[in-house]
Amino acid sequence: MKRTVWALVMVLVFAGACSGLSFADGQRQLGEAVLGSLTVKDGAVVVNVASGGCTDTNSFKVHVVRSEGTEGGIPHYVLTFERVAADDCKALLLNGVDLVFDLEKDLGLSGQYTLSVANRVRPGKKPQQ
């Protein structure tokens, strides 16, 4: 019985610790953004994020980290989109905004490589306002 109670307490403590993770799921929340969509096409990565009308690429910092263990000598990069500026504007943009980041010009990636994105993506759901 004591083991069962102890296990339950540990599960609750772990769940509480995990709930403290910071993901920006709205236009005013700073931190790692939850994306509405993600597309990599024509030398750019396009992300959809919540906006009140004042969100642009300057509202985000993109962390580019070279991953260990390249495949066949081709480097792999992990991108993380972090909202660094809150959007306090009040436009009603139910579908958020698409932000385009040029892989070479904006993120410094060129040549052959693979990439992945660390952010959570919530497809099919409109961003929170």
Protein backbone atom coordinates (compact mmCIF):
# COMPACT_ATOMS: atom_id res chain seq x y z
CA MET A 1 0.00 0.00 0.00
CA LYS A 2 2.80 2.40 0.89
CA ARG A 3 4.48 1.70 -2.46
CA THR A 4 1.25 2.48 -4.33
CA VAL A 5 0.85 5.78 -2.47
CA TRP A 6 4.52 6.63 -3.04
CA ALA A 7 4.20 5.87 -6.78
CA LEU A 8 1.08 8.04 -7.03
CA VAL A 9 2.84 10.92 -5.26
CA MET A 10 5.81 10.64 -7.64
CA VAL A 11 3.50 10.68 -10.69
CA LEU A 12 1.77 13.82 -9.41
CA VAL A 13 5.08 15.55 -8.67
CA PHE A 14 6.40 14.69 -12.13
CA ALA A 15 3.17 15.90 -13.80
CA GLY A 16 3.40 19.16 -11.87
CA ALA A 17 7.00 19.68 -12.95
CA CYS A 18 6.11 19.07 -16.59
CA SER A 19 3.25 21.55 -16.50
CA GLY A 20 5.78 24.30 -15.81
CA LEU A 21 7.24 24.00 -19.31
CA SER A 22 6.95 27.21 -21.27
CA PHE A 23 5.43 27.08 -24.75
CA ALA A 24 4.14 30.28 -26.34
CA ASP A 25 0.67 29.38 -27.60
CA GLY A 26 -0.62 32.91 -27.99
CA GLN A 27 0.39 36.25 -29.44
CA ARG A 28 1.45 37.70 -26.08
CA GLN A 29 3.30 34.70 -24.64
CA LEU A 30 7.06 34.61 -24.94
CA GLY A 31 9.10 31.45 -25.35
CA GLU A 32 9.14 28.45 -27.65
CA ALA A 33 6.16 28.91 -29.97
CA VAL A 34 3.47 26.37 -30.73
CA LEU A 35 3.12 26.57 -34.50
CA GLY A 36 -0.16 26.45 -36.40
CA SER A 37 1.61 25.01 -39.44
CA LEU A 38 5.07 24.39 -40.79
CA THR A 39 6.27 24.24 -44.41
CA VAL A 40 9.74 23.93 -45.89
CA LYS A 41 9.70 24.92 -49.54
CA ASP A 42 11.72 26.82 -52.13
CA GLY A 43 14.64 27.54 -49.82
CA ALA A 44 12.49 28.87 -46.97
CA VAL A 45 10.73 27.66 -43.87
CA VAL A 46 7.23 29.08 -43.36
CA VAL A 47 5.62 28.95 -39.92
CA ASN A 48 2.12 30.01 -38.94
CA VAL A 49 1.84 31.72 -35.55
CA ALA A 50 -0.75 33.61 -33.52
CA SER A 51 -0.93 37.34 -34.21
CA GLY A 52 -2.89 40.40 -33.23
CA GLY A 53 -1.61 42.26 -36.28
CA CYS A 54 1.90 43.24 -35.16
CA THR A 55 3.74 39.92 -35.38
CA ASP A 56 6.54 39.69 -37.95
CA THR A 57 9.82 37.83 -38.30
CA ASN A 58 11.44 40.28 -35.85
CA SER A 59 9.06 38.95 -33.17
CA PHE A 60 10.97 35.65 -33.28
CA LYS A 61 14.47 34.40 -32.74
CA VAL A 62 15.29 31.20 -34.60
CA HIS A 63 17.81 29.02 -32.81
CA VAL A 64 19.82 26.92 -35.28
CA VAL A 65 21.73 24.06 -33.66
CA ARG A 66 23.92 21.63 -35.54
CA SER A 67 23.04 18.14 -34.39
CA GLU A 68 25.62 15.49 -33.60
CA GLY A 69 25.79 12.36 -35.72
CA THR A 70 25.49 13.47 -39.33
CA GLU A 71 24.28 10.97 -41.93
CA GLY A 72 26.81 10.30 -44.68
CA GLY A 73 28.69 13.49 -43.93
CA ILE A 74 25.63 15.68 -44.48
CA PRO A 75 25.04 17.96 -41.47
CA HIS A 76 21.69 18.04 -39.66
CA TYR A 77 20.30 21.19 -38.04
CA VAL A 78 17.52 21.56 -35.50
CA LEU A 79 15.52 24.81 -35.67
CA THR A 80 13.59 26.23 -32.71
CA PHE A 81 11.29 29.24 -33.12
CA GLU A 82 11.12 31.40 -29.99
CA ARG A 83 8.78 34.38 -29.64
CA VAL A 84 10.85 37.23 -28.20
CA ALA A 85 8.36 40.10 -28.65
CA ALA A 86 4.76 40.06 -27.48
CA ASP A 87 2.09 41.19 -29.95
CA ASP A 88 -0.25 43.55 -28.09
CA CYS A 89 -2.16 44.64 -31.18
CA LYS A 90 -5.88 43.85 -31.38
CA ALA A 91 -6.55 42.79 -34.98
CA LEU A 92 -8.79 39.74 -35.30
CA LEU A 93 -6.57 37.34 -37.25
CA LEU A 94 -8.21 33.99 -36.56
CA ASN A 95 -5.79 32.13 -38.83
CA GLY A 96 -2.67 33.82 -37.46
CA VAL A 97 0.09 34.93 -39.82
CA ASP A 98 2.59 33.07 -41.97
CA LEU A 99 6.20 34.09 -41.37
CA VAL A 100 8.80 33.28 -44.03
CA PHE A 101 12.42 32.68 -43.04
CA ASP A 102 14.91 32.25 -45.89
CA LEU A 103 17.09 29.28 -44.99
CA GLU A 104 20.28 30.83 -46.38
CA LYS A 105 19.81 34.58 -45.86
CA ASP A 106 17.98 34.53 -42.52
CA LEU A 107 19.28 31.30 -40.95
CA GLY A 108 22.71 30.91 -42.54
CA LEU A 109 22.12 27.42 -43.94
CA SER A 110 23.64 26.56 -47.31
CA GLY A 111 24.88 23.55 -49.23
CA GLN A 112 23.57 20.08 -48.48
CA TYR A 113 21.97 19.49 -45.09
CA THR A 114 18.90 18.11 -43.41
CA LEU A 115 16.81 19.93 -40.87
CA SER A 116 14.11 19.37 -38.30
CA VAL A 117 12.06 21.69 -36.14
CA ALA A 118 11.85 21.26 -32.37
CA ASN A 119 8.64 23.26 -31.90
CA ARG A 120 5.29 21.66 -31.33
CA VAL A 121 2.87 21.98 -34.24
CA ARG A 122 -0.87 22.06 -33.68
CA PRO A 123 -2.29 21.43 -37.16
CA GLY A 124 -5.91 22.19 -37.92
CA LYS A 125 -6.36 24.46 -34.89
CA LYS A 126 -6.48 28.20 -35.25
CA PRO A 127 -3.90 30.01 -33.08
CA GLN A 128 -5.13 31.51 -29.81
CA GLN A 129 -5.56 35.26 -29.70
